[in-house]
Amino acid sequence: MIKVTRLNGSELVINADLIEFVEAIPDTIVSLVTGKKIMITETKDEVIQKVAQFKRLSSGINSPKEVDHMQGEEHA
């Protein structure tokens, strides 16, 4: 789940797994696989970051260092 803000300032939590695509024309619109569209204040890049963070947390990977460790690499 990711937290986003509607244009009226109210917060909304979206199931990140239901996002089909995100577009900015010029406001950011999140389209869900259900057909619902939600206009939000966050940018496309912010939505991408929130979804990526959600996916990392839900998979148990919290940091890039942990990803490298899982792949057998270490930062110097």
PDB file of N, CA and C in Angstrom:
ATOM      1  N   MET A   1       0.849  -1.179   0.000  1.00  0.00           N
ATOM      2  CA  MET A   1       0.000   0.000   0.000  1.00  0.00           C
ATOM      3  C   MET A   1       0.892   1.240   0.000  1.00  0.00           C
ATOM      4  N   ILE A   2       0.482   2.254  -0.756  1.00  0.00           N
ATOM      5  CA  ILE A   2       1.215   3.517  -0.768  1.00  0.00           C
ATOM      6  C   ILE A   2       0.254   4.655  -0.433  1.00  0.00           C
ATOM      7  N   LYS A   3       0.780   5.658   0.265  1.00  0.00           N
ATOM      8  CA  LYS A   3      -0.026   6.812   0.640  1.00  0.00           C
ATOM      9  C   LYS A   3       0.188   7.911  -0.387  1.00  0.00           C
ATOM     10  N   VAL A   4      -0.914   8.457  -0.914  1.00  0.00           N
ATOM     11  CA  VAL A   4      -0.869   9.555  -1.876  1.00  0.00           C
ATOM     12  C   VAL A   4      -1.840  10.637  -1.426  1.00  0.00           C
ATOM     13  N   THR A   5      -1.778  11.790  -2.087  1.00  0.00           N
ATOM     14  CA  THR A   5      -2.614  12.925  -1.716  1.00  0.00           C
ATOM     15  C   THR A   5      -3.480  13.338  -2.892  1.00  0.00           C
ATOM     16  N   ARG A   6      -4.777  13.405  -2.670  1.00  0.00           N
ATOM     17  CA  ARG A   6      -5.694  13.895  -3.712  1.00  0.00           C
ATOM     18  C   ARG A   6      -5.485  15.394  -3.896  1.00  0.00           C
ATOM     19  N   LEU A   7      -5.992  15.940  -4.983  1.00  0.00           N
ATOM     20  CA  LEU A   7      -5.825  17.366  -5.248  1.00  0.00           C
ATOM     21  C   LEU A   7      -6.480  18.239  -4.188  1.00  0.00           C
ATOM     22  N   ASN A   8      -7.490  17.728  -3.489  1.00  0.00           N
ATOM     23  CA  ASN A   8      -8.150  18.506  -2.436  1.00  0.00           C
ATOM     24  C   ASN A   8      -7.405  18.443  -1.098  1.00  0.00           C
ATOM     25  N   GLY A   9      -6.263  17.726  -1.069  1.00  0.00           N
ATOM     26  CA  GLY A   9      -5.443  17.655   0.137  1.00  0.00           C
ATOM     27  C   GLY A   9      -5.703  16.439   1.004  1.00  0.00           C
ATOM     28  N   SER A  10      -6.734  15.672   0.710  1.00  0.00           N
ATOM     29  CA  SER A  10      -7.007  14.488   1.529  1.00  0.00           C
ATOM     30  C   SER A  10      -6.057  13.357   1.146  1.00  0.00           C
ATOM     31  N   GLU A  11      -5.676  12.573   2.157  1.00  0.00           N
ATOM     32  CA  GLU A  11      -4.767  11.456   1.917  1.00  0.00           C
ATOM     33  C   GLU A  11      -5.556  10.210   1.556  1.00  0.00           C
ATOM     34  N   LEU A  12      -4.929   9.382   0.750  1.00  0.00           N
ATOM     35  CA  LEU A  12      -5.547   8.164   0.266  1.00  0.00           C
ATOM     36  C   LEU A  12      -4.476   7.089   0.231  1.00  0.00           C
ATOM     37  N   VAL A  13      -4.834   5.866   0.563  1.00  0.00           N
ATOM     38  CA  VAL A  13      -3.897   4.756   0.492  1.00  0.00           C
ATOM     39  C   VAL A  13      -4.345   3.851  -0.658  1.00  0.00           C
ATOM     40  N   ILE A  14      -3.393   3.566  -1.552  1.00  0.00           N
ATOM     41  CA  ILE A  14      -3.685   2.767  -2.748  1.00  0.00           C
ATOM     42  C   ILE A  14      -2.921   1.455  -2.665  1.00  0.00           C
ATOM     43  N   ASN A  15      -3.556   0.377  -3.085  1.00  0.00           N
ATOM     44  CA  ASN A  15      -2.882  -0.906  -3.210  1.00  0.00           C
ATOM     45  C   ASN A  15      -1.946  -0.810  -4.413  1.00  0.00           C
ATOM     46  N   ALA A  16      -0.645  -0.811  -4.171  1.00  0.00           N
ATOM     47  CA  ALA A  16       0.345  -0.629  -5.231  1.00  0.00           C
ATOM     48  C   ALA A  16       0.269  -1.721  -6.287  1.00  0.00           C
ATOM     49  N   ASP A  17      -0.214  -2.894  -5.910  1.00  0.00           N
ATOM     50  CA  ASP A  17      -0.321  -3.997  -6.863  1.00  0.00           C
ATOM     51  C   ASP A  17      -1.442  -3.791  -7.878  1.00  0.00           C
ATOM     52  N   LEU A  18      -2.332  -2.836  -7.618  1.00  0.00           N
ATOM     53  CA  LEU A  18      -3.445  -2.575  -8.530  1.00  0.00           C
ATOM     54  C   LEU A  18      -3.154  -1.449  -9.516  1.00  0.00           C
ATOM     55  N   ILE A  19      -1.978  -0.815  -9.410  1.00  0.00           N
ATOM     56  CA  ILE A  19      -1.654   0.280 -10.326  1.00  0.00           C
ATOM     57  C   ILE A  19      -1.315  -0.291 -11.692  1.00  0.00           C
ATOM     58  N   GLU A  20      -2.049   0.188 -12.705  1.00  0.00           N
ATOM     59  CA  GLU A  20      -1.794  -0.242 -14.074  1.00  0.00           C
ATOM     60  C   GLU A  20      -0.790   0.686 -14.737  1.00  0.00           C
ATOM     61  N   PHE A  21      -1.030   2.019 -14.611  1.00  0.00           N
ATOM     62  CA  PHE A  21      -0.064   2.995 -15.104  1.00  0.00           C
ATOM     63  C   PHE A  21      -0.296   4.339 -14.447  1.00  0.00           C
ATOM     64  N   VAL A  22       0.731   5.200 -14.562  1.00  0.00           N
ATOM     65  CA  VAL A  22       0.699   6.546 -13.987  1.00  0.00           C
ATOM     66  C   VAL A  22       1.055   7.506 -15.106  1.00  0.00           C
ATOM     67  N   GLU A  23       0.280   8.578 -15.236  1.00  0.00           N
ATOM     68  CA  GLU A  23       0.555   9.569 -16.272  1.00  0.00           C
ATOM     69  C   GLU A  23       0.424  10.974 -15.701  1.00  0.00           C
ATOM     70  N   ALA A  24       1.095  11.925 -16.326  1.00  0.00           N
ATOM     71  CA  ALA A  24       1.022  13.326 -15.903  1.00  0.00           C
ATOM     72  C   ALA A  24       0.583  14.159 -17.103  1.00  0.00           C
ATOM     73  N   ILE A  25      -0.629  14.740 -17.017  1.00  0.00           N
ATOM     74  CA  ILE A  25      -1.173  15.473 -18.165  1.00  0.00           C
ATOM     75  C   ILE A  25      -1.947  16.727 -17.768  1.00  0.00           C
ATOM     76  N   PRO A  26      -1.498  17.761 -17.122  1.00  0.00           N
ATOM     77  CA  PRO A  26      -0.261  17.895 -16.371  1.00  0.00           C
ATOM     78  C   PRO A  26      -0.365  17.329 -14.960  1.00  0.00           C
ATOM     79  N   ASP A  27      -1.610  17.183 -14.424  1.00  0.00           N
ATOM     80  CA  ASP A  27      -1.751  16.573 -13.094  1.00  0.00           C
ATOM     81  C   ASP A  27      -1.455  15.080 -13.201  1.00  0.00           C
ATOM     82  N   THR A  28      -1.010  14.495 -12.104  1.00  0.00           N
ATOM     83  CA  THR A  28      -0.690  13.073 -12.091  1.00  0.00           C
ATOM     84  C   THR A  28      -1.969  12.267 -11.902  1.00  0.00           C
ATOM     85  N   ILE A  29      -2.161  11.305 -12.783  1.00  0.00           N
ATOM     86  CA  ILE A  29      -3.324  10.426 -12.719  1.00  0.00           C
ATOM     87  C   ILE A  29      -2.840   8.990 -12.583  1.00  0.00           C
ATOM     88  N   VAL A  30      -3.336   8.316 -11.544  1.00  0.00           N
ATOM     89  CA  VAL A  30      -3.025   6.909 -11.328  1.00  0.00           C
ATOM     90  C   VAL A  30      -4.216   6.113 -11.849  1.00  0.00           C
ATOM     91  N   SER A  31      -3.950   5.212 -12.781  1.00  0.00           N
ATOM     92  CA  SER A  31      -4.996   4.337 -13.311  1.00  0.00           C
ATOM     93  C   SER A  31      -4.813   2.952 -12.710  1.00  0.00           C
ATOM     94  N   LEU A  32      -5.898   2.421 -12.154  1.00  0.00           N
ATOM     95  CA  LEU A  32      -5.861   1.105 -11.529  1.00  0.00           C
ATOM     96  C   LEU A  32      -6.395   0.049 -12.495  1.00  0.00           C
ATOM     97  N   VAL A  33      -6.031  -1.193 -12.256  1.00  0.00           N
ATOM     98  CA  VAL A  33      -6.496  -2.286 -13.110  1.00  0.00           C
ATOM     99  C   VAL A  33      -8.013  -2.440 -13.047  1.00  0.00           C
ATOM    100  N   THR A  34      -8.640  -1.869 -12.039  1.00  0.00           N
ATOM    101  CA  THR A  34     -10.098  -1.915 -11.896  1.00  0.00           C
ATOM    102  C   THR A  34     -10.799  -0.926 -12.820  1.00  0.00           C
ATOM    103  N   GLY A  35      -9.999  -0.034 -13.451  1.00  0.00           N
ATOM    104  CA  GLY A  35     -10.575   0.996 -14.313  1.00  0.00           C
ATOM    105  C   GLY A  35     -10.719   2.342 -13.622  1.00  0.00           C
ATOM    106  N   LYS A  36     -10.565   2.359 -12.311  1.00  0.00           N
ATOM    107  CA  LYS A  36     -10.667   3.610 -11.552  1.00  0.00           C
ATOM    108  C   LYS A  36      -9.444   4.475 -11.809  1.00  0.00           C
ATOM    109  N   LYS A  37      -9.652   5.790 -11.891  1.00  0.00           N
ATOM    110  CA  LYS A  37      -8.565   6.751 -12.072  1.00  0.00           C
ATOM    111  C   LYS A  37      -8.577   7.718 -10.896  1.00  0.00           C
ATOM    112  N   ILE A  38      -7.380   8.015 -10.367  1.00  0.00           N
ATOM    113  CA  ILE A  38      -7.265   8.902  -9.210  1.00  0.00           C
ATOM    114  C   ILE A  38      -6.271  10.002  -9.547  1.00  0.00           C
ATOM    115  N   MET A  39      -6.694  11.260  -9.395  1.00  0.00           N
ATOM    116  CA  MET A  39      -5.827  12.401  -9.637  1.00  0.00           C
ATOM    117  C   MET A  39      -5.149  12.774  -8.316  1.00  0.00           C
ATOM    118  N   ILE A  40      -3.802  12.881  -8.337  1.00  0.00           N
ATOM    119  CA  ILE A  40      -3.047  13.113  -7.108  1.00  0.00           C
ATOM    120  C   ILE A  40      -2.034  14.235  -7.276  1.00  0.00           C
ATOM    121  N   THR A  41      -1.498  14.704  -6.146  1.00  0.00           N
ATOM    122  CA  THR A  41      -0.525  15.799  -6.167  1.00  0.00           C
ATOM    123  C   THR A  41       0.903  15.316  -6.400  1.00  0.00           C
ATOM    124  N   GLU A  42       1.198  14.052  -6.066  1.00  0.00           N
ATOM    125  CA  GLU A  42       2.547  13.521  -6.235  1.00  0.00           C
ATOM    126  C   GLU A  42       2.897  13.438  -7.725  1.00  0.00           C
ATOM    127  N   THR A  43       4.199  13.526  -8.019  1.00  0.00           N
ATOM    128  CA  THR A  43       4.664  13.383  -9.397  1.00  0.00           C
ATOM    129  C   THR A  43       4.750  11.903  -9.768  1.00  0.00           C
ATOM    130  N   LYS A  44       4.907  11.634 -11.062  1.00  0.00           N
ATOM    131  CA  LYS A  44       5.098  10.248 -11.507  1.00  0.00           C
ATOM    132  C   LYS A  44       6.292   9.625 -10.805  1.00  0.00           C
ATOM    133  N   ASP A  45       7.399  10.374 -10.725  1.00  0.00           N
ATOM    134  CA  ASP A  45       8.614   9.854 -10.088  1.00  0.00           C
ATOM    135  C   ASP A  45       8.399   9.546  -8.614  1.00  0.00           C
ATOM    136  N   GLU A  46       7.624  10.387  -7.926  1.00  0.00           N
ATOM    137  CA  GLU A  46       7.338  10.116  -6.510  1.00  0.00           C
ATOM    138  C   GLU A  46       6.518   8.833  -6.360  1.00  0.00           C
ATOM    139  N   VAL A  47       5.581   8.611  -7.264  1.00  0.00           N
ATOM    140  CA  VAL A  47       4.782   7.384  -7.215  1.00  0.00           C
ATOM    141  C   VAL A  47       5.678   6.177  -7.457  1.00  0.00           C
ATOM    142  N   ILE A  48       6.573   6.282  -8.431  1.00  0.00           N
ATOM    143  CA  ILE A  48       7.508   5.189  -8.714  1.00  0.00           C
ATOM    144  C   ILE A  48       8.342   4.876  -7.481  1.00  0.00           C
ATOM    145  N   GLN A  49       8.859   5.912  -6.812  1.00  0.00           N
ATOM    146  CA  GLN A  49       9.664   5.712  -5.607  1.00  0.00           C
ATOM    147  C   GLN A  49       8.848   5.044  -4.504  1.00  0.00           C
ATOM    148  N   LYS A  50       7.609   5.481  -4.324  1.00  0.00           N
ATOM    149  CA  LYS A  50       6.764   4.902  -3.280  1.00  0.00           C
ATOM    150  C   LYS A  50       6.463   3.432  -3.571  1.00  0.00           C
ATOM    151  N   VAL A  51       6.184   3.118  -4.827  1.00  0.00           N
ATOM    152  CA  VAL A  51       5.902   1.726  -5.187  1.00  0.00           C
ATOM    153  C   VAL A  51       7.160   0.873  -5.002  1.00  0.00           C
ATOM    154  N   ALA A  52       8.315   1.396  -5.437  1.00  0.00           N
ATOM    155  CA  ALA A  52       9.574   0.652  -5.280  1.00  0.00           C
ATOM    156  C   ALA A  52       9.863   0.399  -3.804  1.00  0.00           C
ATOM    157  N   GLN A  53       9.653   1.417  -2.960  1.00  0.00           N
ATOM    158  CA  GLN A  53       9.881   1.246  -1.523  1.00  0.00           C
ATOM    159  C   GLN A  53       8.918   0.211  -0.945  1.00  0.00           C
ATOM    160  N   PHE A  54       7.671   0.266  -1.356  1.00  0.00           N
ATOM    161  CA  PHE A  54       6.678  -0.715  -0.898  1.00  0.00           C
ATOM    162  C   PHE A  54       7.102  -2.131  -1.293  1.00  0.00           C
ATOM    163  N   LYS A  55       7.550  -2.293  -2.542  1.00  0.00           N
ATOM    164  CA  LYS A  55       7.966  -3.623  -3.021  1.00  0.00           C
ATOM    165  C   LYS A  55       9.185  -4.118  -2.242  1.00  0.00           C
ATOM    166  N   ARG A  56      10.146  -3.211  -1.965  1.00  0.00           N
ATOM    167  CA  ARG A  56      11.324  -3.603  -1.176  1.00  0.00           C
ATOM    168  C   ARG A  56      10.907  -4.056   0.216  1.00  0.00           C
ATOM    169  N   LEU A  57      10.060  -3.281   0.857  1.00  0.00           N
ATOM    170  CA  LEU A  57       9.634  -3.617   2.219  1.00  0.00           C
ATOM    171  C   LEU A  57       8.822  -4.908   2.253  1.00  0.00           C
ATOM    172  N   SER A  58       7.970  -5.096   1.270  1.00  0.00           N
ATOM    173  CA  SER A  58       7.133  -6.302   1.280  1.00  0.00           C
ATOM    174  C   SER A  58       7.931  -7.555   0.933  1.00  0.00           C
ATOM    175  N   SER A  59       9.088  -7.377   0.263  1.00  0.00           N
ATOM    176  CA  SER A  59       9.930  -8.533  -0.051  1.00  0.00           C
ATOM    177  C   SER A  59      10.984  -8.775   1.028  1.00  0.00           C
ATOM    178  N   GLY A  60      11.067  -7.863   2.018  1.00  0.00           N
ATOM    179  CA  GLY A  60      12.034  -8.009   3.089  1.00  0.00           C
ATOM    180  C   GLY A  60      13.378  -7.385   2.786  1.00  0.00           C
ATOM    181  N   ILE A  61      13.504  -6.718   1.649  1.00  0.00           N
ATOM    182  CA  ILE A  61      14.756  -6.045   1.281  1.00  0.00           C
ATOM    183  C   ILE A  61      14.584  -4.565   1.582  1.00  0.00           C
ATOM    184  N   ASN A  62      15.405  -4.052   2.495  1.00  0.00           N
ATOM    185  CA  ASN A  62      15.224  -2.674   2.943  1.00  0.00           C
ATOM    186  C   ASN A  62      16.240  -1.681   2.407  1.00  0.00           C
ATOM    187  N   SER A  63      17.384  -2.135   1.957  1.00  0.00           N
ATOM    188  CA  SER A  63      18.401  -1.188   1.520  1.00  0.00           C
ATOM    189  C   SER A  63      19.180  -1.750   0.342  1.00  0.00           C
ATOM    190  N   PRO A  64      19.801  -0.863  -0.476  1.00  0.00           N
ATOM    191  CA  PRO A  64      20.622  -1.336  -1.587  1.00  0.00           C
ATOM    192  C   PRO A  64      21.754  -2.242  -1.125  1.00  0.00           C
ATOM    193  N   LYS A  65      22.294  -1.998   0.081  1.00  0.00           N
ATOM    194  CA  LYS A  65      23.379  -2.826   0.595  1.00  0.00           C
ATOM    195  C   LYS A  65      22.896  -4.262   0.805  1.00  0.00           C
ATOM    196  N   GLU A  66      21.663  -4.410   1.296  1.00  0.00           N
ATOM    197  CA  GLU A  66      21.105  -5.744   1.483  1.00  0.00           C
ATOM    198  C   GLU A  66      20.929  -6.444   0.145  1.00  0.00           C
ATOM    199  N   VAL A  67      20.542  -5.697  -0.891  1.00  0.00           N
ATOM    200  CA  VAL A  67      20.388  -6.278  -2.226  1.00  0.00           C
ATOM    201  C   VAL A  67      21.744  -6.782  -2.708  1.00  0.00           C
ATOM    202  N   ASP A  68      22.801  -5.954  -2.553  1.00  0.00           N
ATOM    203  CA  ASP A  68      24.157  -6.356  -2.970  1.00  0.00           C
ATOM    204  C   ASP A  68      24.598  -7.592  -2.201  1.00  0.00           C
ATOM    205  N   HIS A  69      24.323  -7.622  -0.896  1.00  0.00           N
ATOM    206  CA  HIS A  69      24.712  -8.767  -0.072  1.00  0.00           C
ATOM    207  C   HIS A  69      24.024 -10.036  -0.564  1.00  0.00           C
ATOM    208  N   MET A  70      22.765  -9.917  -0.931  1.00  0.00           N
ATOM    209  CA  MET A  70      22.022 -11.082  -1.418  1.00  0.00           C
ATOM    210  C   MET A  70      22.581 -11.572  -2.754  1.00  0.00           C
ATOM    211  N   GLN A  71      23.191 -10.645  -3.528  1.00  0.00           N
ATOM    212  CA  GLN A  71      23.754 -11.003  -4.807  1.00  0.00           C
ATOM    213  C   GLN A  71      25.230 -11.382  -4.694  1.00  0.00           C
ATOM    214  N   GLY A  72      25.770 -11.420  -3.465  1.00  0.00           N
ATOM    215  CA  GLY A  72      27.145 -11.814  -3.250  1.00  0.00           C
ATOM    216  C   GLY A  72      28.164 -10.695  -3.467  1.00  0.00           C
ATOM    217  N   GLU A  73      27.689  -9.449  -3.488  1.00  0.00           N
ATOM    218  CA  GLU A  73      28.589  -8.304  -3.674  1.00  0.00           C
ATOM    219  C   GLU A  73      28.616  -7.501  -2.379  1.00  0.00           C
ATOM    220  N   GLU A  74      29.710  -6.745  -2.195  1.00  0.00           N
ATOM    221  CA  GLU A  74      29.806  -5.873  -1.033  1.00  0.00           C
ATOM    222  C   GLU A  74      30.309  -4.521  -1.471  1.00  0.00           C
ATOM    223  N   HIS A  75      29.827  -3.464  -0.788  1.00  0.00           N
ATOM    224  CA  HIS A  75      30.316  -2.116  -1.046  1.00  0.00           C
ATOM    225  C   HIS A  75      31.663  -1.928  -0.372  1.00  0.00           C
ATOM    226  N   ALA A  76      32.552  -1.189  -1.015  1.00  0.00           N
ATOM    227  CA  ALA A  76      33.873  -0.938  -0.432  1.00  0.00           C
ATOM    228  C   ALA A  76      33.800   0.125   0.626  1.00  0.00           C
TER     229      ALA A  76
END
